[in-house]
Amino acid sequence: MPAGKGGTVSAQTELFEKLRAWPNEERCRTCDCLQGALTQLEIDGDGQLKALAAKHRIPSEQMHACLGCDPCPPAEFWAEYVRESRSEKR
């Protein structure tokens, strides 16, 4: 089922669940990698998903730049979502 500007509702929900489950440390929760993906879900998502993503966002003053973690699961989850969204549009 198509949704917003990004992937399908199921792809958006899957991304949200991965992001929500990931931050096991404060430095992850406040990282702009995770927060950027949540912001995009607010843009792409339906009403319920927008509200869920917004609930997990933090003010930009509390965020820090990417720490360069390797691997960075939130960035990997996000990249997978973008790749899937692009292939669905073809």
Protein backbone atom coordinates (compact mmCIF):
# COMPACT_ATOMS: atom_id res chain seq x y z
CA MET A 1 0.00 0.00 0.00
CA PRO A 2 1.60 3.30 -1.03
CA ALA A 3 2.20 6.00 1.51
CA GLY A 4 3.48 9.57 1.65
CA LYS A 5 6.58 10.51 -0.26
CA GLY A 6 8.67 7.55 0.88
CA GLY A 7 8.09 3.83 0.88
CA THR A 8 5.00 1.80 1.60
CA VAL A 9 3.27 1.95 4.96
CA SER A 10 4.77 -1.44 5.83
CA ALA A 11 8.29 -0.28 4.90
CA GLN A 12 7.85 2.88 6.97
CA THR A 13 6.53 0.89 9.92
CA GLU A 14 9.38 -1.61 9.65
CA LEU A 15 11.93 1.23 9.64
CA PHE A 16 10.27 2.85 12.64
CA GLU A 17 10.30 -0.42 14.62
CA LYS A 18 13.99 -0.96 13.86
CA LEU A 19 14.84 2.61 14.87
CA ARG A 20 12.74 2.46 18.02
CA ALA A 21 14.34 -0.80 19.13
CA TRP A 22 17.90 0.28 18.46
CA PRO A 23 18.99 3.06 20.83
CA ASN A 24 20.47 1.14 23.72
CA GLU A 25 22.66 4.04 24.82
CA GLU A 26 21.93 7.72 25.36
CA ARG A 27 24.55 8.65 22.76
CA CYS A 28 22.56 6.68 20.17
CA ARG A 29 19.24 8.27 21.10
CA THR A 30 20.71 11.77 20.73
CA CYS A 31 22.65 11.08 17.51
CA ASP A 32 21.61 12.93 14.37
CA CYS A 33 21.73 9.65 12.42
CA LEU A 34 18.79 8.28 14.38
CA GLN A 35 17.05 11.63 14.74
CA GLY A 36 17.35 12.37 11.01
CA ALA A 37 15.69 9.08 10.13
CA LEU A 38 12.86 9.80 12.59
CA THR A 39 12.42 13.24 11.05
CA GLN A 40 12.10 11.71 7.59
CA LEU A 41 9.47 9.28 8.87
CA GLU A 42 7.52 12.26 10.17
CA ILE A 43 7.61 13.67 6.64
CA ASP A 44 6.87 10.39 4.81
CA GLY A 45 4.53 8.69 7.26
CA ASP A 46 0.80 8.59 7.76
CA GLY A 47 -0.86 10.28 10.74
CA GLN A 48 -0.21 7.54 13.28
CA LEU A 49 3.39 6.98 12.20
CA LYS A 50 4.07 10.74 12.19
CA ALA A 51 2.89 10.92 15.79
CA LEU A 52 5.00 7.92 16.85
CA ALA A 53 8.12 9.26 15.17
CA ALA A 54 7.56 12.72 16.70
CA LYS A 55 7.26 11.16 20.14
CA HIS A 56 10.80 9.76 19.83
CA ARG A 57 12.37 12.93 18.46
CA ILE A 58 14.38 15.26 20.64
CA PRO A 59 15.08 19.01 20.28
CA SER A 60 17.96 19.77 17.93
CA GLU A 61 19.85 21.48 20.78
CA GLN A 62 20.15 18.08 22.48
CA MET A 63 21.45 16.27 19.39
CA HIS A 64 25.06 15.63 18.50
CA ALA A 65 26.68 14.95 15.15
CA CYS A 66 27.34 11.44 13.93
CA LEU A 67 30.01 9.75 16.04
CA GLY A 68 31.21 7.68 13.11
CA CYS A 69 30.17 4.36 14.62
CA ASP A 70 30.97 1.44 12.36
CA PRO A 71 28.53 -0.04 11.89
CA CYS A 72 25.84 2.56 12.52
CA PRO A 73 22.58 0.59 12.60
CA PRO A 74 20.27 3.62 12.30
CA ALA A 75 22.13 4.77 9.19
CA GLU A 76 22.05 1.25 7.75
CA PHE A 77 18.31 0.91 8.45
CA TRP A 78 17.73 4.29 6.80
CA ALA A 79 19.82 3.43 3.71
CA GLU A 80 17.92 0.15 3.29
CA TYR A 81 14.59 2.01 3.51
CA VAL A 82 15.69 4.55 0.89
CA ARG A 83 16.91 1.81 -1.48
CA GLU A 84 13.61 -0.08 -1.12
CA SER A 85 11.59 3.11 -1.62
CA ARG A 86 13.45 3.91 -4.83
CA SER A 87 13.04 0.41 -6.22
CA GLU A 88 9.27 0.54 -5.54
CA LYS A 89 8.99 3.69 -7.65
CA ARG A 90 10.59 2.08 -10.70
